[in-house]
Amino acid sequence: MSQQMVERTEHQVAAPSQQDQMNGLISVIERLATNPEADIEKLERMLLMQERILDRQAQQEYSNALAQLQGELPEVERDLSERLSA
């Protein structure tokens, strides 16, 4: 009996980028802010969520930049034989 290979085509759904997600969140916040019947507590929670997301993105960018920089920095050897005396 011969083996037949079945070719599968996988459709990958592109995950929304962080910028797309942020734009969506900003859009929701704008709608809440312009709605006179909006719940202020919900608006405050949305703004706090946006702030946390921005903080997380900034931390990630910092970590990535630091990791890249560390690969470019020369290694400094420590010489313990000479110590400064005060």
Foldseek 3Di string as FASTA:
>chain_A
DDDDDDDDDDDDDDDDDPVVVLVVLVVVLVVLVPDPPHDVVVSVVSVVVSVVSVVVVVVVVVVVVVVVVVVVDDDDDDDPPDDDDD
